C-alpha atoms as a PDB file:
ATOM      1  CA  MET A   1      -3.015 -12.826  -6.306  1.00  0.00           C
ATOM      2  CA  GLN A   2      -0.102 -11.126  -4.625  1.00  0.00           C
ATOM      3  CA  ILE A   3       0.179  -8.328  -2.126  1.00  0.00           C
ATOM      4  CA  TRP A   4       2.676  -5.588  -3.011  1.00  0.00           C
ATOM      5  CA  VAL A   5       3.864  -3.233  -0.285  1.00  0.00           C
ATOM      6  CA  ASP A   6       5.235   0.246  -0.908  1.00  0.00           C
ATOM      7  CA  ALA A   7       7.585  -0.554   1.941  1.00  0.00           C
ATOM      8  CA  ASP A   8       9.761   2.536   2.305  1.00  0.00           C
ATOM      9  CA  ALA A   9       7.122   4.330   4.321  1.00  0.00           C
ATOM     10  CA  CYS A  10       4.914   1.471   5.473  1.00  0.00           C
ATOM     11  CA  PRO A  11       4.684   1.292   9.273  1.00  0.00           C
ATOM     12  CA  LYS A  12       6.182  -1.816  10.874  1.00  0.00           C
ATOM     13  CA  VAL A  13       2.908  -2.676  12.595  1.00  0.00           C
ATOM     14  CA  ILE A  14       1.195  -2.817   9.175  1.00  0.00           C
ATOM     15  CA  LYS A  15       3.974  -5.063   7.796  1.00  0.00           C
ATOM     16  CA  ASP A  16       3.486  -7.356  10.814  1.00  0.00           C
ATOM     17  CA  ILE A  17      -0.222  -7.667  10.036  1.00  0.00           C
ATOM     18  CA  LEU A  18       0.648  -8.493   6.420  1.00  0.00           C
ATOM     19  CA  PHE A  19       3.242 -11.080   7.493  1.00  0.00           C
ATOM     20  CA  ARG A  20       0.696 -12.872   9.653  1.00  0.00           C
ATOM     21  CA  ALA A  21      -1.848 -12.852   6.785  1.00  0.00           C
ATOM     22  CA  ALA A  22       0.770 -14.220   4.323  1.00  0.00           C
ATOM     23  CA  GLU A  23       1.541 -17.131   6.631  1.00  0.00           C
ATOM     24  CA  ARG A  24      -2.077 -17.844   7.585  1.00  0.00           C
ATOM     25  CA  LEU A  25      -3.372 -17.840   4.001  1.00  0.00           C
ATOM     26  CA  ALA A  26      -0.246 -18.742   2.011  1.00  0.00           C
ATOM     27  CA  ILE A  27      -0.382 -15.502  -0.002  1.00  0.00           C
ATOM     28  CA  ALA A  28       2.692 -13.885  -1.464  1.00  0.00           C
ATOM     29  CA  VAL A  29       3.651 -10.550   0.129  1.00  0.00           C
ATOM     30  CA  ILE A  30       6.391  -8.612  -1.653  1.00  0.00           C
ATOM     31  CA  LEU A  31       7.899  -5.544   0.046  1.00  0.00           C
ATOM     32  CA  VAL A  32       9.411  -3.114  -2.462  1.00  0.00           C
ATOM     33  CA  ALA A  33      11.897  -0.537  -1.124  1.00  0.00           C
ATOM     34  CA  ASN A  34      15.096   1.250  -2.035  1.00  0.00           C
ATOM     35  CA  LYS A  35      17.020  -0.358   0.781  1.00  0.00           C
ATOM     36  CA  PRO A  36      17.261  -3.919   2.112  1.00  0.00           C
ATOM     37  CA  LEU A  37      14.522  -4.812   4.563  1.00  0.00           C
ATOM     38  CA  HIS A  38      14.372  -7.513   7.200  1.00  0.00           C
ATOM     39  CA  THR A  39      11.591 -10.035   6.583  1.00  0.00           C
ATOM     40  CA  PRO A  40      10.722 -13.088   8.562  1.00  0.00           C
ATOM     41  CA  PRO A  41      11.806 -16.406   7.022  1.00  0.00           C
ATOM     42  CA  SER A  42       8.897 -17.543   4.938  1.00  0.00           C
ATOM     43  CA  PRO A  43       8.238 -18.916   1.473  1.00  0.00           C
ATOM     44  CA  HIS A  44       5.413 -16.379   1.212  1.00  0.00           C
ATOM     45  CA  ILE A  45       7.276 -13.188   2.152  1.00  0.00           C
ATOM     46  CA  ARG A  46      10.098 -11.515   0.234  1.00  0.00           C
ATOM     47  CA  SER A  47      11.560  -8.130  -0.328  1.00  0.00           C
ATOM     48  CA  MET A  48      12.692  -6.467  -3.520  1.00  0.00           C
ATOM     49  CA  VAL A  49      15.324  -3.714  -3.521  1.00  0.00           C
ATOM     50  CA  VAL A  50      15.120  -1.071  -6.234  1.00  0.00           C
ATOM     51  CA  ALA A  51      17.567   1.677  -7.087  1.00  0.00           C
ATOM     52  CA  ALA A  52      17.405   4.774  -4.905  1.00  0.00           C
ATOM     53  CA  GLY A  53      15.562   7.636  -6.453  1.00  0.00           C
ATOM     54  CA  PHE A  54      12.248   9.384  -6.668  1.00  0.00           C
ATOM     55  CA  ASP A  55       9.331   6.968  -7.324  1.00  0.00           C
ATOM     56  CA  MET A  56      11.622   3.993  -8.146  1.00  0.00           C
ATOM     57  CA  ALA A  57       9.716   1.644  -5.854  1.00  0.00           C
ATOM     58  CA  ASP A  58       6.392   2.977  -7.081  1.00  0.00           C
ATOM     59  CA  ASN A  59       7.391   2.512 -10.711  1.00  0.00           C
ATOM     60  CA  ARG A  60       8.523  -1.058 -10.075  1.00  0.00           C
ATOM     61  CA  ILE A  61       5.239  -1.918  -8.367  1.00  0.00           C
ATOM     62  CA  VAL A  62       3.256  -0.457 -11.263  1.00  0.00           C
ATOM     63  CA  GLU A  63       5.359  -2.429 -13.712  1.00  0.00           C
ATOM     64  CA  LEU A  64       4.820  -5.761 -11.928  1.00  0.00           C
ATOM     65  CA  VAL A  65       1.290  -5.484 -10.506  1.00  0.00           C
ATOM     66  CA  ARG A  66      -1.395  -7.594 -12.139  1.00  0.00           C
ATOM     67  CA  PRO A  67      -5.169  -7.232 -12.141  1.00  0.00           C
ATOM     68  CA  ASP A  68      -6.656  -8.271  -8.783  1.00  0.00           C
ATOM     69  CA  ASP A  69      -3.353  -7.879  -6.903  1.00  0.00           C
ATOM     70  CA  LEU A  70      -3.466  -5.761  -3.771  1.00  0.00           C
ATOM     71  CA  VAL A  71      -1.050  -2.837  -3.218  1.00  0.00           C
ATOM     72  CA  ILE A  72      -0.515  -1.400   0.241  1.00  0.00           C
ATOM     73  CA  THR A  73       0.383   2.279  -0.022  1.00  0.00           C
ATOM     74  CA  ALA A  74      -0.342   5.735   1.272  1.00  0.00           C
ATOM     75  CA  ASP A  75       0.977   7.178  -1.995  1.00  0.00           C
ATOM     76  CA  ILE A  76      -2.055   8.509  -3.892  1.00  0.00           C
ATOM     77  CA  PRO A  77      -0.452   8.652  -7.349  1.00  0.00           C
ATOM     78  CA  LEU A  78       0.771   5.065  -6.922  1.00  0.00           C
ATOM     79  CA  ALA A  79      -2.758   4.049  -5.878  1.00  0.00           C
ATOM     80  CA  ALA A  80      -4.201   5.741  -8.975  1.00  0.00           C
ATOM     81  CA  ALA A  81      -1.754   3.908 -11.228  1.00  0.00           C
ATOM     82  CA  VAL A  82      -2.436   0.484  -9.788  1.00  0.00           C
ATOM     83  CA  ILE A  83      -6.212   1.031  -9.922  1.00  0.00           C
ATOM     84  CA  GLN A  84      -5.800   1.939 -13.567  1.00  0.00           C
ATOM     85  CA  ARG A  85      -4.051  -1.408 -14.048  1.00  0.00           C
ATOM     86  CA  GLY A  86      -7.000  -3.301 -12.513  1.00  0.00           C
ATOM     87  CA  ALA A  87      -5.406  -3.880  -9.136  1.00  0.00           C
ATOM     88  CA  HIS A  88      -6.638  -2.828  -5.667  1.00  0.00           C
ATOM     89  CA  ALA A  89      -5.063  -0.265  -3.344  1.00  0.00           C
ATOM     90  CA  LEU A  90      -5.379  -0.089   0.430  1.00  0.00           C
ATOM     91  CA  ASN A  91      -3.723   2.507   2.614  1.00  0.00           C
ATOM     92  CA  PRO A  92      -2.230   1.718   6.060  1.00  0.00           C
ATOM     93  CA  ARG A  93      -5.202   3.432   7.759  1.00  0.00           C
ATOM     94  CA  GLY A  94      -7.595   0.909   6.296  1.00  0.00           C
ATOM     95  CA  GLU A  95      -9.047   2.983   3.448  1.00  0.00           C
ATOM     96  CA  PHE A  96      -9.454   1.432   0.016  1.00  0.00           C
ATOM     97  CA  TYR A  97      -8.775   3.674  -2.894  1.00  0.00           C
ATOM     98  CA  SER A  98     -11.191   3.097  -5.762  1.00  0.00           C
ATOM     99  CA  ARG A  99     -12.084   4.366  -9.177  1.00  0.00           C
ATOM    100  CA  GLU A 100     -14.813   6.374  -7.432  1.00  0.00           C
ATOM    101  CA  ASN A 101     -12.635   8.178  -4.879  1.00  0.00           C
ATOM    102  CA  ILE A 102      -9.132   8.322  -6.390  1.00  0.00           C
ATOM    103  CA  ARG A 103      -9.692  11.501  -8.440  1.00  0.00           C
ATOM    104  CA  GLU A 104     -10.871  13.390  -5.354  1.00  0.00           C
ATOM    105  CA  ARG A 105      -7.819  12.155  -3.382  1.00  0.00           C
ATOM    106  CA  LEU A 106      -5.497  13.243  -6.202  1.00  0.00           C
ATOM    107  CA  ASN A 107      -7.137  16.691  -6.336  1.00  0.00           C
ATOM    108  CA  MET A 108      -6.800  17.121  -2.575  1.00  0.00           C
ATOM    109  CA  ARG A 109      -3.162  16.052  -2.671  1.00  0.00           C
ATOM    110  CA  ASP A 110      -2.455  18.566  -5.452  1.00  0.00           C
ATOM    111  CA  PHE A 111      -4.244  21.307  -3.544  1.00  0.00           C
ATOM    112  CA  MET A 112      -2.222  20.616  -0.391  1.00  0.00           C
ATOM    113  CA  ASP A 113       0.993  20.664  -2.482  1.00  0.00           C
ATOM    114  CA  GLN A 114      -0.002  24.080  -3.817  1.00  0.00           C
ATOM    115  CA  LEU A 115      -0.618  25.357  -0.299  1.00  0.00           C
ATOM    116  CA  ARG A 116       2.741  24.093   0.886  1.00  0.00           C
ATOM    117  CA  SER A 117       4.473  25.715  -2.090  1.00  0.00           C
ATOM    118  CA  THR A 118       3.087  29.074  -0.979  1.00  0.00           C
ATOM    119  CA  GLY A 119       4.524  28.603   2.497  1.00  0.00           C
ATOM    120  CA  VAL A 120       1.395  27.456   4.288  1.00  0.00           C
ATOM    121  CA  GLN A 121       2.246  24.942   6.999  1.00  0.00           C
ATOM    122  CA  THR A 122      -0.215  22.085   6.441  1.00  0.00           C
ATOM    123  CA  GLY A 123       1.394  19.554   8.785  1.00  0.00           C
ATOM    124  CA  GLY A 124       1.748  15.903   8.001  1.00  0.00           C
ATOM    125  CA  PRO A 125      -0.476  12.949   8.613  1.00  0.00           C
ATOM    126  CA  SER A 126      -1.208  12.089  12.238  1.00  0.00           C
ATOM    127  CA  MET A 127       0.442   9.090  13.825  1.00  0.00           C
ATOM    128  CA  LEU A 128      -1.063   5.736  13.063  1.00  0.00           C
ATOM    129  CA  SER A 129      -3.550   5.043  15.883  1.00  0.00           C
ATOM    130  CA  HIS A 130      -4.762   1.766  17.303  1.00  0.00           C
ATOM    131  CA  SER A 131      -8.090   2.283  15.492  1.00  0.00           C
ATOM    132  CA  ASP A 132      -6.200   2.862  12.194  1.00  0.00           C
ATOM    133  CA  ARG A 133      -4.321  -0.449  12.668  1.00  0.00           C
ATOM    134  CA  GLN A 134      -7.587  -2.196  13.463  1.00  0.00           C
ATOM    135  CA  ALA A 135      -9.307  -0.661  10.411  1.00  0.00           C
ATOM    136  CA  PHE A 136      -6.449  -1.849   8.224  1.00  0.00           C
ATOM    137  CA  ALA A 137      -6.566  -5.381   9.634  1.00  0.00           C
ATOM    138  CA  ASN A 138     -10.356  -5.513   9.222  1.00  0.00           C
ATOM    139  CA  GLN A 139     -10.291  -4.273   5.614  1.00  0.00           C
ATOM    140  CA  LEU A 140      -7.476  -6.653   4.739  1.00  0.00           C
ATOM    141  CA  ASP A 141      -9.385  -9.593   6.236  1.00  0.00           C
ATOM    142  CA  ARG A 142     -12.599  -8.644   4.369  1.00  0.00           C
ATOM    143  CA  PHE A 143     -10.681  -8.346   1.096  1.00  0.00           C
ATOM    144  CA  LEU A 144      -8.902 -11.654   1.510  1.00  0.00           C
ATOM    145  CA  ASN A 145     -12.124 -13.413   2.582  1.00  0.00           C
ATOM    146  CA  ARG A 146     -13.926 -12.120  -0.543  1.00  0.00           C
ATOM    147  CA  LEU A 147     -11.035 -13.339  -2.617  1.00  0.00           C
ATOM    148  CA  ALA A 148     -11.199 -16.794  -1.031  1.00  0.00           C
ATOM    149  CA  LYS A 149     -14.911 -17.033  -1.893  1.00  0.00           C
ATOM    150  CA  LYS A 150     -14.340 -16.244  -5.594  1.00  0.00           C
ATOM    151  CA  PRO A 151     -14.672 -19.309  -7.814  1.00  0.00           C
END
């Protein structure tokens, strides 16, 4: 099992949580971005640079992800693609995307895009709060603990 990170937009505090988990549990964490990223020296943490362009990092993650891998992303279409491949998707606010909720998330995303295209100001996501960071860390720990208990 590996953890893939859609790293272009992933908050630093979330990366730091992932780095600590990688070291603590000896799990591979791969950050995928269209620019070089600084990562701590570790045999468990690496970064992968992809060509600049729309969805290049997302496409590379989908290409490489395997069933039961975990992908960290706020990108709903990417989450849908990795779920379809049998992997798991967790957003930086601590919410797991699933087969049960991804269609609703995609529909809401499309609806908001339509609103924005008509000139409606919808605003962006709020800043990542302390409770969001805590929710992410808790969900990640639960996921990794479940994984450790699998035979």
